[in-house]
Amino acid sequence: MAQTKSLEETLQEIEDIINKMDREEISLEESFQLYNTGIKLCKQCNDKIDKVEKRLEVIGGQAEE
């Protein structure tokens, strides 16, 4: 089974991608690849945040009962 990255690790990877894209010597092709990777990582972050929000809603609903 593949090890999943923590939210913090994924955010750090996105930050690293942004720093790479800020370089002037980056090629258009490499920039496009980094962009695609960054978009996928952002989706992963959103999915993780959505899961946490749903858990909090369940916990909040149970606390009200």
PDB file of N, CA and C in Angstrom:
ATOM      1  N   MET A   1       0.842  -1.180   0.000  1.00  0.00           N
ATOM      2  CA  MET A   1       0.000   0.000   0.000  1.00  0.00           C
ATOM      3  C   MET A   1       0.889   1.248   0.000  1.00  0.00           C
ATOM      4  N   ALA A   2       0.530   2.230  -0.809  1.00  0.00           N
ATOM      5  CA  ALA A   2       1.322   3.449  -0.921  1.00  0.00           C
ATOM      6  C   ALA A   2       1.104   4.314   0.319  1.00  0.00           C
ATOM      7  N   GLN A   3       2.183   4.919   0.754  1.00  0.00           N
ATOM      8  CA  GLN A   3       2.101   5.793   1.915  1.00  0.00           C
ATOM      9  C   GLN A   3       1.561   7.142   1.461  1.00  0.00           C
ATOM     10  N   THR A   4       0.534   7.638   2.148  1.00  0.00           N
ATOM     11  CA  THR A   4      -0.017   8.937   1.792  1.00  0.00           C
ATOM     12  C   THR A   4       0.727  10.023   2.549  1.00  0.00           C
ATOM     13  N   LYS A   5       0.876  11.151   1.891  1.00  0.00           N
ATOM     14  CA  LYS A   5       1.576  12.277   2.494  1.00  0.00           C
ATOM     15  C   LYS A   5       0.620  13.037   3.397  1.00  0.00           C
ATOM     16  N   SER A   6       1.185  13.656   4.403  1.00  0.00           N
ATOM     17  CA  SER A   6       0.371  14.506   5.265  1.00  0.00           C
ATOM     18  C   SER A   6       0.036  15.790   4.508  1.00  0.00           C
ATOM     19  N   LEU A   7      -0.932  16.504   5.011  1.00  0.00           N
ATOM     20  CA  LEU A   7      -1.317  17.773   4.407  1.00  0.00           C
ATOM     21  C   LEU A   7      -0.132  18.729   4.396  1.00  0.00           C
ATOM     22  N   GLU A   8       0.610  18.744   5.480  1.00  0.00           N
ATOM     23  CA  GLU A   8       1.764  19.633   5.578  1.00  0.00           C
ATOM     24  C   GLU A   8       2.834  19.290   4.541  1.00  0.00           C
ATOM     25  N   GLU A   9       3.064  17.988   4.338  1.00  0.00           N
ATOM     26  CA  GLU A   9       4.053  17.557   3.345  1.00  0.00           C
ATOM     27  C   GLU A   9       3.613  17.943   1.930  1.00  0.00           C
ATOM     28  N   THR A  10       2.325  17.794   1.674  1.00  0.00           N
ATOM     29  CA  THR A  10       1.799  18.140   0.359  1.00  0.00           C
ATOM     30  C   THR A  10       1.900  19.643   0.128  1.00  0.00           C
ATOM     31  N   LEU A  11       1.569  20.432   1.138  1.00  0.00           N
ATOM     32  CA  LEU A  11       1.684  21.883   1.013  1.00  0.00           C
ATOM     33  C   LEU A  11       3.137  22.317   0.801  1.00  0.00           C
ATOM     34  N   GLN A  12       4.070  21.639   1.465  1.00  0.00           N
ATOM     35  CA  GLN A  12       5.486  21.951   1.278  1.00  0.00           C
ATOM     36  C   GLN A  12       5.919  21.641  -0.155  1.00  0.00           C
ATOM     37  N   GLU A  13       5.410  20.541  -0.690  1.00  0.00           N
ATOM     38  CA  GLU A  13       5.730  20.171  -2.070  1.00  0.00           C
ATOM     39  C   GLU A  13       5.195  21.224  -3.050  1.00  0.00           C
ATOM     40  N   ILE A  14       3.995  21.732  -2.785  1.00  0.00           N
ATOM     41  CA  ILE A  14       3.429  22.799  -3.622  1.00  0.00           C
ATOM     42  C   ILE A  14       4.304  24.043  -3.536  1.00  0.00           C
ATOM     43  N   GLU A  15       4.757  24.384  -2.342  1.00  0.00           N
ATOM     44  CA  GLU A  15       5.627  25.547  -2.173  1.00  0.00           C
ATOM     45  C   GLU A  15       6.940  25.363  -2.939  1.00  0.00           C
ATOM     46  N   ASP A  16       7.489  24.152  -2.906  1.00  0.00           N
ATOM     47  CA  ASP A  16       8.713  23.863  -3.656  1.00  0.00           C
ATOM     48  C   ASP A  16       8.491  24.041  -5.156  1.00  0.00           C
ATOM     49  N   ILE A  17       7.338  23.616  -5.631  1.00  0.00           N
ATOM     50  CA  ILE A  17       7.007  23.761  -7.056  1.00  0.00           C
ATOM     51  C   ILE A  17       6.924  25.240  -7.423  1.00  0.00           C
ATOM     52  N   ILE A  18       6.292  26.020  -6.580  1.00  0.00           N
ATOM     53  CA  ILE A  18       6.177  27.457  -6.841  1.00  0.00           C
ATOM     54  C   ILE A  18       7.560  28.096  -6.915  1.00  0.00           C
ATOM     55  N   ASN A  19       8.444  27.707  -5.993  1.00  0.00           N
ATOM     56  CA  ASN A  19       9.800  28.253  -6.009  1.00  0.00           C
ATOM     57  C   ASN A  19      10.541  27.871  -7.285  1.00  0.00           C
ATOM     58  N   LYS A  20      10.353  26.646  -7.760  1.00  0.00           N
ATOM     59  CA  LYS A  20      10.985  26.215  -9.012  1.00  0.00           C
ATOM     60  C   LYS A  20      10.444  27.008 -10.195  1.00  0.00           C
ATOM     61  N   MET A  21       9.141  27.274 -10.177  1.00  0.00           N
ATOM     62  CA  MET A  21       8.531  28.002 -11.287  1.00  0.00           C
ATOM     63  C   MET A  21       8.944  29.466 -11.309  1.00  0.00           C
ATOM     64  N   ASP A  22       9.398  29.990 -10.184  1.00  0.00           N
ATOM     65  CA  ASP A  22       9.847  31.376 -10.109  1.00  0.00           C
ATOM     66  C   ASP A  22      11.217  31.599 -10.756  1.00  0.00           C
ATOM     67  N   ARG A  23      11.933  30.508 -11.009  1.00  0.00           N
ATOM     68  CA  ARG A  23      13.255  30.649 -11.629  1.00  0.00           C
ATOM     69  C   ARG A  23      13.109  31.151 -13.061  1.00  0.00           C
ATOM     70  N   GLU A  24      14.002  32.011 -13.462  1.00  0.00           N
ATOM     71  CA  GLU A  24      13.948  32.560 -14.817  1.00  0.00           C
ATOM     72  C   GLU A  24      14.377  31.553 -15.868  1.00  0.00           C
ATOM     73  N   GLU A  25      15.271  30.626 -15.526  1.00  0.00           N
ATOM     74  CA  GLU A  25      15.822  29.709 -16.512  1.00  0.00           C
ATOM     75  C   GLU A  25      14.946  28.485 -16.771  1.00  0.00           C
ATOM     76  N   ILE A  26      13.777  28.417 -16.185  1.00  0.00           N
ATOM     77  CA  ILE A  26      12.911  27.256 -16.355  1.00  0.00           C
ATOM     78  C   ILE A  26      12.323  27.251 -17.777  1.00  0.00           C
ATOM     79  N   SER A  27      12.271  26.073 -18.374  1.00  0.00           N
ATOM     80  CA  SER A  27      11.710  25.955 -19.721  1.00  0.00           C
ATOM     81  C   SER A  27      10.187  25.943 -19.651  1.00  0.00           C
ATOM     82  N   LEU A  28       9.576  26.229 -20.779  1.00  0.00           N
ATOM     83  CA  LEU A  28       8.123  26.224 -20.845  1.00  0.00           C
ATOM     84  C   LEU A  28       7.573  24.826 -20.565  1.00  0.00           C
ATOM     85  N   GLU A  29       8.231  23.815 -21.104  1.00  0.00           N
ATOM     86  CA  GLU A  29       7.793  22.433 -20.891  1.00  0.00           C
ATOM     87  C   GLU A  29       7.880  22.046 -19.414  1.00  0.00           C
ATOM     88  N   GLU A  30       9.003  22.384 -18.776  1.00  0.00           N
ATOM     89  CA  GLU A  30       9.159  22.072 -17.351  1.00  0.00           C
ATOM     90  C   GLU A  30       8.141  22.852 -16.525  1.00  0.00           C
ATOM     91  N   SER A  31       7.898  24.093 -16.894  1.00  0.00           N
ATOM     92  CA  SER A  31       6.918  24.913 -16.189  1.00  0.00           C
ATOM     93  C   SER A  31       5.528  24.282 -16.288  1.00  0.00           C
ATOM     94  N   PHE A  32       5.179  23.784 -17.464  1.00  0.00           N
ATOM     95  CA  PHE A  32       3.883  23.145 -17.667  1.00  0.00           C
ATOM     96  C   PHE A  32       3.766  21.878 -16.834  1.00  0.00           C
ATOM     97  N   GLN A  33       4.825  21.079 -16.778  1.00  0.00           N
ATOM     98  CA  GLN A  33       4.816  19.857 -15.972  1.00  0.00           C
ATOM     99  C   GLN A  33       4.663  20.173 -14.488  1.00  0.00           C
ATOM    100  N   LEU A  34       5.396  21.185 -14.026  1.00  0.00           N
ATOM    101  CA  LEU A  34       5.291  21.586 -12.622  1.00  0.00           C
ATOM    102  C   LEU A  34       3.886  22.096 -12.309  1.00  0.00           C
ATOM    103  N   TYR A  35       3.316  22.852 -13.240  1.00  0.00           N
ATOM    104  CA  TYR A  35       1.966  23.375 -13.059  1.00  0.00           C
ATOM    105  C   TYR A  35       0.974  22.221 -12.893  1.00  0.00           C
ATOM    106  N   ASN A  36       1.066  21.229 -13.781  1.00  0.00           N
ATOM    107  CA  ASN A  36       0.158  20.076 -13.700  1.00  0.00           C
ATOM    108  C   ASN A  36       0.315  19.332 -12.384  1.00  0.00           C
ATOM    109  N   THR A  37       1.552  19.146 -11.953  1.00  0.00           N
ATOM    110  CA  THR A  37       1.804  18.484 -10.665  1.00  0.00           C
ATOM    111  C   THR A  37       1.212  19.302  -9.525  1.00  0.00           C
ATOM    112  N   GLY A  38       1.404  20.613  -9.580  1.00  0.00           N
ATOM    113  CA  GLY A  38       0.866  21.491  -8.547  1.00  0.00           C
ATOM    114  C   GLY A  38      -0.650  21.433  -8.464  1.00  0.00           C
ATOM    115  N   ILE A  39      -1.308  21.382  -9.619  1.00  0.00           N
ATOM    116  CA  ILE A  39      -2.775  21.293  -9.646  1.00  0.00           C
ATOM    117  C   ILE A  39      -3.234  19.986  -9.007  1.00  0.00           C
ATOM    118  N   LYS A  40      -2.558  18.888  -9.322  1.00  0.00           N
ATOM    119  CA  LYS A  40      -2.913  17.591  -8.729  1.00  0.00           C
ATOM    120  C   LYS A  40      -2.728  17.621  -7.215  1.00  0.00           C
ATOM    121  N   LEU A  41      -1.639  18.238  -6.762  1.00  0.00           N
ATOM    122  CA  LEU A  41      -1.385  18.332  -5.323  1.00  0.00           C
ATOM    123  C   LEU A  41      -2.437  19.204  -4.636  1.00  0.00           C
ATOM    124  N   CYS A  42      -2.850  20.290  -5.291  1.00  0.00           N
ATOM    125  CA  CYS A  42      -3.900  21.147  -4.723  1.00  0.00           C
ATOM    126  C   CYS A  42      -5.202  20.368  -4.576  1.00  0.00           C
ATOM    127  N   LYS A  43      -5.511  19.540  -5.564  1.00  0.00           N
ATOM    128  CA  LYS A  43      -6.721  18.708  -5.488  1.00  0.00           C
ATOM    129  C   LYS A  43      -6.621  17.742  -4.317  1.00  0.00           C
ATOM    130  N   GLN A  44      -5.438  17.151  -4.125  1.00  0.00           N
ATOM    131  CA  GLN A  44      -5.248  16.237  -2.996  1.00  0.00           C
ATOM    132  C   GLN A  44      -5.471  16.969  -1.678  1.00  0.00           C
ATOM    133  N   CYS A  45      -4.946  18.200  -1.582  1.00  0.00           N
ATOM    134  CA  CYS A  45      -5.138  18.990  -0.360  1.00  0.00           C
ATOM    135  C   CYS A  45      -6.619  19.268  -0.128  1.00  0.00           C
ATOM    136  N   ASN A  46      -7.319  19.665  -1.182  1.00  0.00           N
ATOM    137  CA  ASN A  46      -8.750  19.941  -1.050  1.00  0.00           C
ATOM    138  C   ASN A  46      -9.515  18.698  -0.619  1.00  0.00           C
ATOM    139  N   ASP A  47      -9.158  17.548  -1.177  1.00  0.00           N
ATOM    140  CA  ASP A  47      -9.815  16.295  -0.794  1.00  0.00           C
ATOM    141  C   ASP A  47      -9.578  15.980   0.681  1.00  0.00           C
ATOM    142  N   LYS A  48      -8.351  16.175   1.147  1.00  0.00           N
ATOM    143  CA  LYS A  48      -8.031  15.912   2.555  1.00  0.00           C
ATOM    144  C   LYS A  48      -8.792  16.863   3.465  1.00  0.00           C
ATOM    145  N   ILE A  49      -8.861  18.118   3.087  1.00  0.00           N
ATOM    146  CA  ILE A  49      -9.573  19.112   3.898  1.00  0.00           C
ATOM    147  C   ILE A  49     -11.065  18.786   3.927  1.00  0.00           C
ATOM    148  N   ASP A  50     -11.625  18.374   2.779  1.00  0.00           N
ATOM    149  CA  ASP A  50     -13.042  17.990   2.733  1.00  0.00           C
ATOM    150  C   ASP A  50     -13.328  16.825   3.670  1.00  0.00           C
ATOM    151  N   LYS A  51     -12.433  15.837   3.700  1.00  0.00           N
ATOM    152  CA  LYS A  51     -12.626  14.678   4.582  1.00  0.00           C
ATOM    153  C   LYS A  51     -12.637  15.105   6.046  1.00  0.00           C
ATOM    154  N   VAL A  52     -11.726  16.001   6.405  1.00  0.00           N
ATOM    155  CA  VAL A  52     -11.661  16.487   7.787  1.00  0.00           C
ATOM    156  C   VAL A  52     -12.927  17.258   8.126  1.00  0.00           C
ATOM    157  N   GLU A  53     -13.384  18.111   7.200  1.00  0.00           N
ATOM    158  CA  GLU A  53     -14.602  18.877   7.452  1.00  0.00           C
ATOM    159  C   GLU A  53     -15.797  17.953   7.658  1.00  0.00           C
ATOM    160  N   LYS A  54     -15.899  16.886   6.855  1.00  0.00           N
ATOM    161  CA  LYS A  54     -17.013  15.940   7.007  1.00  0.00           C
ATOM    162  C   LYS A  54     -16.947  15.231   8.351  1.00  0.00           C
ATOM    163  N   ARG A  55     -15.729  14.866   8.776  1.00  0.00           N
ATOM    164  CA  ARG A  55     -15.587  14.224  10.093  1.00  0.00           C
ATOM    165  C   ARG A  55     -16.016  15.172  11.206  1.00  0.00           C
ATOM    166  N   LEU A  56     -15.627  16.438  11.075  1.00  0.00           N
ATOM    167  CA  LEU A  56     -16.003  17.421  12.089  1.00  0.00           C
ATOM    168  C   LEU A  56     -17.513  17.627  12.133  1.00  0.00           C
ATOM    169  N   GLU A  57     -18.157  17.586  10.975  1.00  0.00           N
ATOM    170  CA  GLU A  57     -19.610  17.706  10.945  1.00  0.00           C
ATOM    171  C   GLU A  57     -20.275  16.526  11.654  1.00  0.00           C
ATOM    172  N   VAL A  58     -19.729  15.325  11.433  1.00  0.00           N
ATOM    173  CA  VAL A  58     -20.275  14.128  12.088  1.00  0.00           C
ATOM    174  C   VAL A  58     -20.069  14.238  13.591  1.00  0.00           C
ATOM    175  N   ILE A  59     -18.874  14.620  14.000  1.00  0.00           N
ATOM    176  CA  ILE A  59     -18.577  14.760  15.432  1.00  0.00           C
ATOM    177  C   ILE A  59     -19.462  15.837  16.046  1.00  0.00           C
ATOM    178  N   GLY A  60     -19.618  16.958  15.344  1.00  0.00           N
ATOM    179  CA  GLY A  60     -20.467  18.033  15.831  1.00  0.00           C
ATOM    180  C   GLY A  60     -21.907  17.589  15.954  1.00  0.00           C
ATOM    181  N   GLY A  61     -22.381  16.797  15.008  1.00  0.00           N
ATOM    182  CA  GLY A  61     -23.753  16.296  15.055  1.00  0.00           C
ATOM    183  C   GLY A  61     -23.953  15.323  16.207  1.00  0.00           C
ATOM    184  N   GLN A  62     -22.935  14.501  16.479  1.00  0.00           N
ATOM    185  CA  GLN A  62     -23.035  13.551  17.584  1.00  0.00           C
ATOM    186  C   GLN A  62     -23.008  14.278  18.925  1.00  0.00           C
ATOM    187  N   ALA A  63     -22.257  15.381  18.984  1.00  0.00           N
ATOM    188  CA  ALA A  63     -22.167  16.128  20.238  1.00  0.00           C
ATOM    189  C   ALA A  63     -23.500  16.781  20.581  1.00  0.00           C
ATOM    190  N   GLU A  64     -24.266  17.133  19.553  1.00  0.00           N
ATOM    191  CA  GLU A  64     -25.559  17.794  19.787  1.00  0.00           C
ATOM    192  C   GLU A  64     -26.612  16.814  20.289  1.00  0.00           C
ATOM    193  N   GLU A  65     -26.415  15.530  20.025  1.00  0.00           N
ATOM    194  CA  GLU A  65     -27.426  14.536  20.423  1.00  0.00           C
ATOM    195  C   GLU A  65     -27.394  14.214  21.871  1.00  0.00           C
TER     196      GLU A  65
END
